[in-house]
């Protein structure tokens, strides 16, 4: 059996009892290590679970999945995912590969950022399509996702923005030369995401377009959701470009129009003070 087990969002203890029982009896246990991170490292997880973990990076999961699935038809193999197993399309692909090989699978769900964002007070059923905001480069500065934000706002829906994570990435030079040298991990912050969004707003104005989002649009920044030091801040997009929410992981919400009074009252609990350069 192949088990896909969600680990939740905080630390080692966020795994479910059912998930922990399965981990402790599996022959091999893989830890997916590229779509998200917990607030603790692999060693802490190993100590709590009582098992050695095999790190599975993007290359292994997407290109060498057969290694993970090896002997899963005759023994139990666990694949651990931060959040919920279906928080990334990669994991659906792993299930499809297992099914084609005649391997049974079972999913143990857990909390995901997709539902935990409700902690800020915005109502989950009022969220539209989720988007991803990637790190811009000198030659690649995509703006196409902004159309989805516009559509969500036109429908009165909030937009959850998942911010880029760069783990085990190679520089262009090392990639071309085939050198297995990797860049330090990078995690996009609320500030970086807001600054890129503000630039898109300016670009649209320069093209004579009316942007769906402005500097004054109400947004919500979330950091380390599920951890003891979780942070939430509500303010304008302009304020989000300077507010300090500390270390990763961060997520950003662009609110929709016609918010419910209860939503507004909840967000008031997290309002950014006038001096937005201070830490929240």
Protein backbone atom coordinates (compact mmCIF):
# COMPACT_ATOMS: atom_id res chain seq x y z
CA UNK A 1 0.00 0.00 0.00
CA UNK A 2 1.12 3.54 -0.78
CA UNK A 3 0.08 5.99 1.92
CA UNK A 4 -0.02 9.73 1.23
CA UNK A 5 -0.05 11.40 4.62
CA UNK A 6 -0.63 15.07 5.34
CA UNK A 7 1.52 16.60 8.07
CA UNK A 8 -0.45 19.78 8.72
CA UNK A 9 1.10 23.22 8.84
CA UNK A 10 2.94 23.67 12.14
CA UNK A 11 5.39 21.22 13.64
CA UNK A 12 5.99 17.51 14.18
CA UNK A 13 2.93 17.11 16.41
CA UNK A 14 0.47 18.24 13.74
CA UNK A 15 0.38 14.81 12.11
CA UNK A 16 -2.86 12.96 12.88
CA UNK A 17 -2.87 9.96 15.23
CA UNK A 18 -3.89 7.77 12.31
CA UNK A 19 -1.07 9.14 10.17
CA UNK A 20 1.51 8.60 12.90
CA UNK A 21 0.43 4.99 13.43
CA UNK A 22 0.86 4.30 9.72
CA UNK A 23 4.28 6.03 9.55
CA UNK A 24 5.60 3.87 12.38
CA UNK A 25 4.70 0.62 10.61
CA UNK A 26 5.78 1.46 7.04
CA UNK A 27 8.90 -0.10 5.54
CA UNK A 28 9.99 3.18 3.90
CA UNK A 29 8.94 6.74 4.70
CA UNK A 30 9.55 9.59 2.26
CA UNK A 31 9.31 13.28 3.12
CA UNK A 32 8.35 15.51 0.20
CA UNK A 33 10.69 18.47 0.47
CA UNK A 34 9.90 21.07 -2.16
CA UNK A 35 6.28 22.30 -2.20
CA UNK A 36 6.22 23.54 1.41
CA UNK A 37 8.03 23.43 4.75
CA UNK A 38 7.20 22.95 8.42
CA UNK A 39 8.63 25.08 11.20
CA UNK A 40 10.90 22.19 12.22
CA UNK A 41 13.51 20.21 10.32
CA UNK A 42 13.82 16.59 9.23
CA UNK A 43 15.73 15.55 12.38
CA UNK A 44 12.93 16.76 14.68
CA UNK A 45 10.37 14.84 12.64
CA UNK A 46 12.48 11.68 12.76
CA UNK A 47 12.78 11.91 16.53
CA UNK A 48 9.04 12.37 17.03
CA UNK A 49 7.97 9.76 14.48
CA UNK A 50 10.60 7.27 15.57
CA UNK A 51 11.52 6.61 11.95
CA UNK A 52 14.23 7.60 9.49
CA UNK A 53 12.91 9.76 6.67
CA UNK A 54 14.06 9.77 3.06
CA UNK A 55 14.01 13.25 1.54
CA UNK A 56 12.22 13.34 -1.81
CA UNK A 57 12.98 16.42 -3.90
CA UNK A 58 11.16 17.59 -7.01
CA UNK A 59 13.41 15.68 -9.39
CA UNK A 60 12.87 12.37 -7.62
CA UNK A 61 9.10 12.75 -7.27
CA UNK A 62 8.45 13.99 -10.79
CA UNK A 63 11.08 12.05 -12.74
CA UNK A 64 12.03 9.06 -10.62
CA UNK A 65 8.73 8.15 -8.97
CA UNK A 66 9.36 4.47 -9.62
CA UNK A 67 11.96 4.54 -6.85
CA UNK A 68 9.31 5.68 -4.38
CA UNK A 69 6.80 3.11 -5.60
CA UNK A 70 9.26 0.22 -5.61
CA UNK A 71 7.82 -2.79 -3.73
CA UNK A 72 4.80 -0.75 -2.59
CA UNK A 73 2.67 -3.59 -3.95
CA UNK A 74 4.08 -5.99 -1.37
CA UNK A 75 4.96 -3.65 1.51
CA UNK A 76 3.79 -0.35 3.00
CA UNK A 77 5.40 2.89 1.81
CA UNK A 78 4.54 6.32 3.21
CA UNK A 79 4.85 9.63 1.38
CA UNK A 80 4.64 12.58 3.76
CA UNK A 81 3.40 15.96 2.55
CA UNK A 82 3.35 19.25 4.47
CA UNK A 83 -0.26 20.41 4.65
CA UNK A 84 -2.65 18.10 2.79
CA UNK A 85 -1.51 15.53 0.19
CA UNK A 86 -3.64 17.14 -2.52
CA UNK A 87 -2.22 20.62 -2.04
CA UNK A 88 -0.01 20.09 -5.13
CA UNK A 89 -0.78 18.45 -8.47
CA UNK A 90 2.46 16.46 -8.22
CA UNK A 91 0.86 14.17 -5.69
CA UNK A 92 -2.08 13.35 -7.93
CA UNK A 93 0.46 12.24 -10.51
CA UNK A 94 2.05 9.90 -7.96
CA UNK A 95 -1.34 8.27 -7.34
CA UNK A 96 -1.93 7.82 -11.07
CA UNK A 97 1.48 6.17 -11.45
CA UNK A 98 0.75 3.85 -8.53
CA UNK A 99 -2.64 2.89 -9.94
CA UNK A 100 -1.12 2.02 -13.33
CA UNK A 101 1.31 -0.29 -11.53
CA UNK A 102 -1.51 -2.01 -9.66
CA UNK A 103 -0.50 -0.48 -6.31
CA UNK A 104 -3.26 0.37 -3.85
CA UNK A 105 -3.17 3.75 -2.14
CA UNK A 106 -4.74 5.52 0.81
CA UNK A 107 -4.81 9.20 1.69
CA UNK A 108 -4.64 10.58 5.24
CA UNK A 109 -5.77 14.20 5.10
CA UNK A 110 -4.66 17.12 7.25
CA UNK A 111 -4.97 20.90 7.49
CA UNK A 112 -3.86 22.89 4.45
CA UNK A 113 -3.28 26.57 3.82
CA UNK A 114 -6.29 26.30 1.51
CA UNK A 115 -8.64 26.02 4.48
CA UNK A 116 -6.50 27.35 7.33
CA UNK A 117 -6.62 30.85 5.81
CA UNK A 118 -10.01 31.11 7.46
CA UNK A 119 -8.10 32.04 10.62
CA UNK A 120 -8.03 35.66 9.43
CA UNK A 121 -11.82 35.87 9.50
CA UNK A 122 -12.56 35.84 5.78
CA UNK A 123 -15.26 33.34 4.92
CA UNK A 124 -13.93 30.35 3.00
CA UNK A 125 -16.90 30.04 0.66
CA UNK A 126 -16.18 33.55 -0.62
CA UNK A 127 -12.77 32.63 -2.06
CA UNK A 128 -12.37 32.40 -5.81
CA UNK A 129 -9.59 30.78 -7.84
CA UNK A 130 -6.25 30.50 -6.04
CA UNK A 131 -3.18 31.92 -7.78
CA UNK A 132 0.58 31.56 -7.44
CA UNK A 133 2.97 34.51 -7.44
CA UNK A 134 6.47 33.60 -8.61
CA UNK A 135 9.80 35.33 -8.16
CA UNK A 136 10.46 37.64 -11.09
CA UNK A 137 13.77 37.56 -12.92
CA UNK A 138 15.44 40.08 -15.19
CA UNK A 139 13.97 38.37 -18.24
CA UNK A 140 10.74 36.80 -16.89
CA UNK A 141 8.11 38.99 -15.22
CA UNK A 142 4.73 37.27 -15.72
CA UNK A 143 1.51 39.22 -15.15
CA UNK A 144 -1.07 36.85 -16.64
CA UNK A 145 -2.29 35.65 -13.22
CA UNK A 146 -3.64 39.16 -12.62
CA UNK A 147 -6.59 38.38 -14.89
CA UNK A 148 -7.73 35.77 -12.35
CA UNK A 149 -7.55 38.33 -9.55
CA UNK A 150 -9.67 40.68 -11.66
CA UNK A 151 -12.26 37.97 -12.30
CA UNK A 152 -12.42 37.07 -8.61
CA UNK A 153 -12.90 40.69 -7.56
CA UNK A 154 -15.60 41.22 -10.20
CA UNK A 155 -17.45 38.28 -8.64
CA UNK A 156 -16.95 39.61 -5.11
CA UNK A 157 -14.52 36.79 -4.27
CA UNK A 158 -11.27 36.84 -2.32
CA UNK A 159 -8.03 35.63 -3.93
CA UNK A 160 -5.57 33.47 -2.03
CA UNK A 161 -2.05 34.04 -3.39
CA UNK A 162 0.43 31.25 -2.78
CA UNK A 163 3.93 32.71 -2.73
CA UNK A 164 6.93 31.21 -4.49
CA UNK A 165 9.33 28.74 -2.88
CA UNK A 166 12.74 28.03 -4.40
CA UNK A 167 14.31 24.88 -2.96
CA UNK A 168 17.19 23.02 -4.58
CA UNK A 169 17.19 25.35 -7.58
CA UNK A 170 20.16 25.64 -9.92
CA UNK A 171 21.54 28.83 -11.43
CA UNK A 172 21.30 29.08 -15.22
CA UNK A 173 25.08 28.66 -15.49
CA UNK A 174 25.16 25.49 -13.37
CA UNK A 175 22.12 24.13 -15.18
CA UNK A 176 23.74 24.62 -18.59
CA UNK A 177 27.03 23.08 -17.43
CA UNK A 178 25.25 20.16 -15.77
CA UNK A 179 26.75 20.91 -12.37
CA UNK A 180 24.75 19.64 -9.37
CA UNK A 181 25.30 22.88 -7.45
CA UNK A 182 22.22 24.39 -5.87
CA UNK A 183 21.27 27.89 -4.77
CA UNK A 184 20.31 28.63 -1.14
CA UNK A 185 16.55 28.22 -0.46
CA UNK A 186 14.40 31.29 -1.05
CA UNK A 187 10.90 31.96 0.22
CA UNK A 188 8.87 34.87 -1.13
CA UNK A 189 7.70 37.31 1.54
CA UNK A 190 4.52 39.36 1.71
CA UNK A 191 6.65 42.44 0.95
CA UNK A 192 8.10 40.98 -2.25
CA UNK A 193 4.70 39.79 -3.48
CA UNK A 194 3.10 43.18 -2.77
CA UNK A 195 5.94 45.05 -4.50
CA UNK A 196 5.51 42.93 -7.63
CA UNK A 197 1.74 43.46 -7.57
CA UNK A 198 2.21 47.22 -7.22
CA UNK A 199 4.47 47.18 -10.26
CA UNK A 200 1.83 45.32 -12.25
CA UNK A 201 -0.72 47.96 -11.23
CA UNK A 202 1.60 50.68 -12.53
CA UNK A 203 2.26 48.77 -15.75
CA UNK A 204 -1.46 48.45 -16.42
CA UNK A 205 -2.01 52.17 -15.87
CA UNK A 206 0.82 52.95 -18.29
CA UNK A 207 -0.96 50.79 -20.88
CA UNK A 208 -4.16 52.75 -20.33
CA UNK A 209 -5.88 49.90 -18.50
CA UNK A 210 -7.95 50.18 -15.34
CA UNK A 211 -6.33 47.84 -12.78
CA UNK A 212 -8.62 45.58 -10.76
CA UNK A 213 -6.38 46.17 -7.75
CA UNK A 214 -4.92 49.47 -6.53
CA UNK A 215 -2.56 50.61 -3.82
CA UNK A 216 -5.58 51.02 -1.53
CA UNK A 217 -7.07 47.55 -2.04
CA UNK A 218 -7.55 45.74 1.27
CA UNK A 219 -5.27 42.72 1.62
CA UNK A 220 -4.36 40.22 4.33
CA UNK A 221 -0.88 38.89 4.98
CA UNK A 222 -0.38 35.61 6.80
CA UNK A 223 2.86 34.08 8.04
CA UNK A 224 3.58 30.63 9.48
CA UNK A 225 -0.11 29.70 9.67
CA UNK A 226 -0.61 26.89 12.17
CA UNK A 227 2.57 27.62 14.13
CA UNK A 228 2.70 29.11 17.62
CA UNK A 229 4.19 32.33 16.22
CA UNK A 230 1.59 32.71 13.48
CA UNK A 231 1.17 36.30 12.26
CA UNK A 232 -1.74 37.98 10.50
CA UNK A 233 -1.87 41.55 9.21
CA UNK A 234 -4.68 43.36 7.40
CA UNK A 235 -4.10 46.57 5.46
CA UNK A 236 -3.78 48.10 2.02
CA UNK A 237 -1.63 46.59 -0.71
CA UNK A 238 0.72 49.55 -0.23
CA UNK A 239 1.08 48.72 3.47
CA UNK A 240 1.78 45.08 2.63
CA UNK A 241 4.88 46.17 0.73
CA UNK A 242 6.54 47.29 3.98
CA UNK A 243 4.97 45.30 6.85
CA UNK A 244 7.30 42.84 8.61
CA UNK A 245 5.77 39.42 9.36
CA UNK A 246 9.02 37.60 10.05
CA UNK A 247 10.20 34.30 8.60
CA UNK A 248 8.51 31.97 6.08
CA UNK A 249 6.13 30.70 4.94
CA UNK A 250 3.97 33.65 3.85
CA UNK A 251 0.63 33.85 2.01
CA UNK A 252 -1.30 36.88 0.73
CA UNK A 253 -5.03 37.41 0.32
CA UNK A 254 -6.49 40.07 -1.98
CA UNK A 255 -9.99 40.72 -0.70
CA UNK A 256 -13.06 40.92 -2.89
CA UNK A 257 -15.66 43.67 -2.95
CA UNK A 258 -18.82 43.67 -0.82
CA UNK A 259 -17.30 42.09 2.24
CA UNK A 260 -19.59 40.82 5.00
CA UNK A 261 -19.67 42.97 8.18
CA UNK A 262 -18.38 40.02 10.22
CA UNK A 263 -15.40 39.74 7.88
CA UNK A 264 -14.61 43.41 8.33
CA UNK A 265 -14.94 43.12 12.10
CA UNK A 266 -12.59 40.13 12.18
CA UNK A 267 -10.01 41.87 9.98
CA UNK A 268 -10.06 44.84 12.34
CA UNK A 269 -8.39 42.57 14.89
CA UNK A 270 -5.34 42.40 12.62
CA UNK A 271 -5.19 45.96 11.29
CA UNK A 272 -1.71 47.27 10.55
CA UNK A 273 -0.87 50.26 12.74
CA UNK A 274 -0.22 53.64 11.12
CA UNK A 275 3.53 53.05 11.38
CA UNK A 276 3.50 50.03 9.09
CA UNK A 277 7.28 49.64 9.11
CA UNK A 278 6.97 48.12 12.58
CA UNK A 279 6.73 44.38 13.06
CA UNK A 280 3.19 43.08 13.58
